[in-house]
Amino acid sequence: MSVWLPGAPCTPRACVEPAQRGAAVVRAVLRLTAVAVVLLAGIVLLPVGRRVPAALVRWWALTVVRAAGVRVRMRGGAAPAGGVLLVANHISWLDIPLLAAVRPARMIAKVEIRRWPVAGALAARAGVVFIERDRLRALPGTVAHLAGALRSGAAVGVFPEGSTWCGRAQGTFRRAVFQAALDAGVPVQPVRLGYRLDSGAASTAAAFVGDDSLLASLWRVTATRGLVAEVDVRPVIPPVTHPDRRALAHAAQTG
C-alpha cells in the first residue's frame, strides 16, 4: 500500500449508477464536444502560465464543469491569499476543476504522469507537483518540497484520502501532506465536494473509481440529466492551531 495513495473499496459495478440511455446519447455527444472545446482553450493558454489572472482560471474551471452539463452550487467564503493548503475529499475527475474554482492551485500527482507523452509535459507546465508515491524514503523530501512551495506563497491542492471514493462512502485523510502546512506555517483550507441530482438525491454518477475508464466516466457524467456539484468551502484552519499533523488532518476532515 502506498503512503500517499491507499486503495478504496469502491468499484464501478458495485457503487456507480449506470449511464442513462436513449435521448441521453445526443445530450452526451454535445456535452463532450463542449468539454473538448473548453479544454483545448485551456491548453492554448498553458504557455502563458501563471500570468493568467486567477479569476480567469476560476472561470475556465467552472466552464469545464458546466460544459459537461453539471450545475455548480458553491457555499462558503473565498480561500485566503498567499500560501495555503487546499484539501478536499475525492470522488471524481470533476473535483480537480471544482477545487481550482475555489482557488487555482498547484495539484499533486504521481511522478509516473510526468513521463506520459504530451499529458506529462502539459501537467508540468501547469505547475503540478509530482510525488514518488511508492517510496517511503522519498516522503521527507516530498514534504520539504511541498513546504517550500507553500512558503513561496503558492496554493497547493491535494486530495488526502489518496484515492477516489463513490461519495456515499469516504476514506480517511492521510496525514503526510499536512506536515508540509505545519512546516511552512500556512493555513489549511478544507473543501467538501458532493454530487446530487436536481431532486436532491445523492448521486454516484460522477464517481470515477476502481478500474473505471476516464472515457466511461466522461460518458456517464455527460449523459446524466440534472447532475449538481456541491462545493462547500469550510472555515479556514489557521496555522499553529493544531499540535501535530494527525490533529490537523482530523480537523480538516471533520470541520
Protein backbone atom coordinates (compact mmCIF):
# COMPACT_ATOMS: atom_id res chain seq x y z
CA MET A 1 0.00 0.00 0.00
CA SER A 2 1.27 3.44 -0.90
CA VAL A 3 1.78 6.01 1.84
CA TRP A 4 0.14 8.55 -0.47
CA LEU A 5 -2.44 6.52 -2.37
CA PRO A 6 -4.21 3.79 -0.37
CA GLY A 7 -6.79 1.73 -2.20
CA ALA A 8 -10.54 2.33 -1.91
CA PRO A 9 -13.13 -0.48 -1.98
CA CYS A 10 -15.44 1.42 -4.38
CA THR A 11 -15.86 -0.09 -7.86
CA PRO A 12 -17.94 0.96 -10.89
CA ARG A 13 -20.09 -2.18 -10.74
CA ALA A 14 -20.82 -2.02 -7.01
CA CYS A 15 -21.12 1.71 -6.41
CA VAL A 16 -21.77 3.72 -9.56
CA GLU A 17 -25.09 4.47 -11.24
CA PRO A 18 -25.08 3.35 -14.91
CA ALA A 19 -25.16 5.84 -17.73
CA GLN A 20 -28.58 6.89 -18.98
CA ARG A 21 -29.71 5.67 -22.38
CA GLY A 22 -31.96 6.79 -25.22
CA ALA A 23 -32.10 10.55 -25.71
CA ALA A 24 -29.09 10.86 -23.39
CA VAL A 25 -26.81 9.84 -26.29
CA VAL A 26 -27.33 13.09 -28.18
CA ARG A 27 -27.00 15.09 -24.97
CA ALA A 28 -23.74 13.33 -24.08
CA VAL A 29 -22.20 13.87 -27.54
CA LEU A 30 -22.98 17.59 -27.47
CA ARG A 31 -21.63 17.98 -23.96
CA LEU A 32 -18.46 16.01 -24.72
CA THR A 33 -17.83 18.29 -27.68
CA ALA A 34 -18.26 21.33 -25.46
CA VAL A 35 -15.85 19.91 -22.86
CA ALA A 36 -13.26 19.24 -25.57
CA VAL A 37 -13.50 22.82 -26.84
CA VAL A 38 -13.10 24.30 -23.35
CA LEU A 39 -10.15 22.01 -22.54
CA LEU A 40 -8.43 22.94 -25.81
CA ALA A 41 -8.85 26.61 -24.93
CA GLY A 42 -7.13 25.91 -21.60
CA ILE A 43 -4.27 24.10 -23.35
CA VAL A 44 -3.77 27.10 -25.63
CA LEU A 45 -3.39 29.29 -22.55
CA LEU A 46 -0.88 26.97 -20.85
CA PRO A 47 2.22 28.62 -22.42
CA VAL A 48 1.12 31.87 -20.77
CA GLY A 49 1.37 30.03 -17.45
CA ARG A 50 0.98 31.95 -14.23
CA ARG A 51 0.41 35.26 -16.00
CA VAL A 52 -3.22 34.24 -16.49
CA PRO A 53 -5.33 36.05 -13.83
CA ALA A 54 -6.69 33.78 -11.10
CA ALA A 55 -10.22 34.98 -11.83
CA LEU A 56 -9.91 33.77 -15.43
CA VAL A 57 -8.61 30.37 -14.27
CA ARG A 58 -11.54 30.01 -11.88
CA TRP A 59 -13.97 30.93 -14.68
CA TRP A 60 -12.37 28.41 -17.03
CA ALA A 61 -12.50 25.67 -14.37
CA LEU A 62 -16.20 26.27 -13.75
CA THR A 63 -16.81 26.33 -17.51
CA VAL A 64 -15.27 22.84 -17.85
CA VAL A 65 -17.73 21.50 -15.28
CA ARG A 66 -20.72 23.32 -16.74
CA ALA A 67 -19.82 22.22 -20.27
CA ALA A 68 -20.21 18.64 -19.01
CA GLY A 69 -23.80 19.50 -18.09
CA VAL A 70 -23.13 19.74 -14.36
CA ARG A 71 -24.53 22.68 -12.39
CA VAL A 72 -22.40 24.03 -9.56
CA ARG A 73 -23.55 25.18 -6.14
CA MET A 74 -20.85 26.88 -4.10
CA ARG A 75 -21.15 27.77 -0.43
CA GLY A 76 -18.73 29.49 1.91
CA GLY A 77 -16.23 32.31 1.65
CA ALA A 78 -13.18 32.82 -0.50
CA ALA A 79 -9.96 30.90 0.16
CA PRO A 80 -7.21 33.02 1.74
CA ALA A 81 -4.49 34.63 -0.33
CA GLY A 82 -0.84 33.60 -0.03
CA GLY A 83 0.42 30.13 0.76
CA VAL A 84 -2.42 27.75 1.58
CA LEU A 85 -3.01 24.02 1.51
CA LEU A 86 -6.36 23.23 -0.14
CA VAL A 87 -7.70 19.81 0.84
CA ALA A 88 -10.87 18.04 -0.29
CA ASN A 89 -12.49 14.63 -0.38
CA HIS A 90 -12.07 12.86 -3.72
CA ILE A 91 -14.90 11.44 -5.83
CA SER A 92 -14.42 12.37 -9.47
CA TRP A 93 -12.15 13.89 -12.11
CA LEU A 94 -14.57 16.83 -11.80
CA ASP A 95 -13.07 17.50 -8.36
CA ILE A 96 -9.94 18.99 -9.92
CA PRO A 97 -11.62 21.87 -11.80
CA LEU A 98 -14.01 22.36 -8.85
CA LEU A 99 -11.07 22.83 -6.49
CA ALA A 100 -9.48 25.22 -8.99
CA ALA A 101 -12.71 27.20 -8.96
CA VAL A 102 -12.23 27.74 -5.21
CA ARG A 103 -8.65 28.87 -5.80
CA PRO A 104 -6.22 27.95 -8.58
CA ALA A 105 -3.56 25.71 -7.05
CA ARG A 106 -0.60 23.51 -7.87
CA MET A 107 -2.01 19.99 -7.77
CA ILE A 108 -0.19 16.86 -6.57
CA ALA A 109 0.15 13.90 -8.95
CA LYS A 110 2.12 10.67 -9.13
CA VAL A 111 5.55 11.02 -10.74
CA GLU A 112 4.64 8.49 -13.45
CA ILE A 113 2.40 11.09 -15.08
CA ARG A 114 5.46 13.25 -15.73
CA ARG A 115 6.63 10.60 -18.22
CA TRP A 116 3.35 10.39 -20.13
CA PRO A 117 3.51 11.68 -23.73
CA VAL A 118 2.01 15.17 -24.09
CA ALA A 119 -0.02 14.96 -20.85
CA GLY A 120 3.15 14.85 -18.73
CA ALA A 121 4.58 17.99 -20.30
CA LEU A 122 1.25 19.79 -20.01
CA ALA A 123 0.93 18.83 -16.33
CA ALA A 124 4.45 20.05 -15.60
CA ARG A 125 3.79 23.35 -17.36
CA ALA A 126 0.61 23.74 -15.29
CA GLY A 127 2.70 23.58 -12.11
CA VAL A 128 1.78 20.08 -10.95
CA VAL A 129 3.90 18.80 -8.03
CA PHE A 130 4.97 15.23 -8.79
CA ILE A 131 5.45 12.77 -5.93
CA GLU A 132 7.00 9.30 -5.69
CA ARG A 133 4.05 7.63 -4.06
CA ASP A 134 5.59 4.18 -3.58
CA ARG A 135 8.89 5.17 -1.93
CA LEU A 136 8.57 5.75 1.79
CA ARG A 137 12.13 7.07 1.92
CA ALA A 138 11.16 9.82 -0.52
CA LEU A 139 8.48 11.10 1.86
CA PRO A 140 10.61 13.64 3.82
CA GLY A 141 11.93 15.17 0.61
CA THR A 142 8.43 15.39 -0.86
CA VAL A 143 7.07 17.08 2.27
CA ALA A 144 10.00 19.53 2.20
CA HIS A 145 9.30 20.31 -1.47
CA LEU A 146 5.63 20.98 -0.75
CA ALA A 147 6.50 23.14 2.25
CA GLY A 148 8.82 25.18 0.04
CA ALA A 149 6.05 25.77 -2.48
CA LEU A 150 3.69 26.84 0.31
CA ARG A 151 6.28 29.21 1.81
CA SER A 152 6.68 30.86 -1.60
CA GLY A 153 3.02 31.89 -1.46
CA ALA A 154 1.63 29.18 -3.69
CA ALA A 155 -1.64 27.36 -3.15
CA VAL A 156 -1.18 23.58 -3.21
CA GLY A 157 -4.21 21.36 -3.81
CA VAL A 158 -4.42 17.78 -2.61
CA PHE A 159 -6.98 15.05 -2.02
CA PRO A 160 -5.73 13.48 1.24
CA GLU A 161 -7.94 10.39 1.04
CA GLY A 162 -5.39 9.27 -1.53
CA SER A 163 -7.95 7.58 -3.78
CA THR A 164 -11.35 8.31 -5.24
CA TRP A 165 -14.43 7.13 -3.36
CA CYS A 166 -18.02 6.89 -4.62
CA GLY A 167 -19.34 9.68 -2.40
CA ARG A 168 -21.62 7.51 -0.31
CA ALA A 169 -18.53 6.05 1.33
CA GLN A 170 -15.37 8.00 2.06
CA GLY A 171 -11.82 7.42 3.22
CA THR A 172 -9.66 8.90 5.96
CA PHE A 173 -7.43 11.89 5.31
CA ARG A 174 -3.80 10.75 5.18
CA ARG A 175 -1.55 12.79 7.45
CA ALA A 176 1.68 13.21 5.49
CA VAL A 177 0.71 16.23 3.40
CA PHE A 178 -0.44 18.17 6.48
CA GLN A 179 3.13 18.17 7.77
CA ALA A 180 4.03 20.46 4.87
CA ALA A 181 1.45 23.01 6.03
CA LEU A 182 2.79 22.82 9.59
CA ASP A 183 6.40 23.21 8.44
CA ALA A 184 5.51 26.17 6.20
CA GLY A 185 3.26 27.82 8.79
CA VAL A 186 0.39 28.27 6.34
CA PRO A 187 -3.36 27.76 6.79
CA VAL A 188 -5.36 24.78 5.58
CA GLN A 189 -8.49 25.38 3.52
CA PRO A 190 -10.87 22.40 3.71
CA VAL A 191 -13.39 21.92 0.90
CA ARG A 192 -16.20 19.39 0.86
CA LEU A 193 -17.36 18.06 -2.50
CA GLY A 194 -20.54 16.17 -3.28
CA TYR A 195 -22.81 15.31 -6.20
CA ARG A 196 -26.60 15.26 -6.28
CA LEU A 197 -29.46 15.23 -8.74
CA ASP A 198 -31.92 18.09 -9.11
CA SER A 199 -34.31 16.10 -6.94
CA GLY A 200 -31.87 16.38 -4.03
CA ALA A 201 -30.95 12.69 -4.03
CA ALA A 202 -27.26 11.86 -3.67
CA SER A 203 -25.76 10.57 -6.92
CA THR A 204 -22.73 8.43 -7.72
CA ALA A 205 -22.91 9.17 -11.46
CA ALA A 206 -19.84 11.44 -11.22
CA ALA A 207 -17.73 8.92 -9.30
CA PHE A 208 -14.51 7.82 -11.02
CA VAL A 209 -13.46 4.77 -9.02
CA GLY A 210 -11.67 1.45 -9.24
CA ASP A 211 -10.99 0.25 -12.78
CA ASP A 212 -13.40 2.76 -14.31
CA SER A 213 -12.02 4.30 -17.50
CA LEU A 214 -11.94 8.06 -17.99
CA LEU A 215 -13.95 7.72 -21.21
CA ALA A 216 -16.67 5.71 -19.43
CA SER A 217 -16.80 8.26 -16.63
CA LEU A 218 -16.98 11.18 -19.07
CA TRP A 219 -19.83 9.50 -20.92
CA ARG A 220 -21.73 8.75 -17.71
CA VAL A 221 -21.42 12.34 -16.45
CA THR A 222 -22.41 13.97 -19.74
CA ALA A 223 -25.32 11.57 -20.24
CA THR A 224 -26.81 12.26 -16.80
CA ARG A 225 -29.59 14.81 -16.61
CA GLY A 226 -29.79 17.21 -13.67
CA LEU A 227 -26.40 16.47 -12.06
CA VAL A 228 -25.34 19.06 -9.50
CA ALA A 229 -21.88 19.51 -7.95
CA GLU A 230 -21.89 20.91 -4.41
CA VAL A 231 -18.78 22.78 -3.27
CA ASP A 232 -18.73 23.69 0.41
CA VAL A 233 -15.78 25.92 1.34
CA ARG A 234 -15.35 25.27 5.06
CA PRO A 235 -13.83 27.68 7.61
CA VAL A 236 -10.08 28.03 7.11
CA ILE A 237 -7.82 26.41 9.71
CA PRO A 238 -5.14 28.93 10.74
CA PRO A 239 -1.53 27.82 11.18
CA VAL A 240 -0.26 26.64 14.60
CA THR A 241 -3.78 25.91 15.90
CA HIS A 242 -3.14 22.15 15.98
CA PRO A 243 -0.13 20.49 17.61
CA ASP A 244 0.60 17.83 15.00
CA ARG A 245 -0.38 16.56 11.56
CA ARG A 246 -2.75 13.92 12.97
CA ALA A 247 -4.85 16.56 14.73
CA LEU A 248 -4.67 18.86 11.71
CA ALA A 249 -5.81 16.11 9.31
CA HIS A 250 -8.69 15.22 11.60
CA ALA A 251 -9.77 18.86 11.91
CA ALA A 252 -9.65 19.30 8.12
CA GLN A 253 -11.83 16.25 7.51
CA THR A 254 -14.41 16.84 10.22
CA GLY A 255 -14.53 20.65 10.45
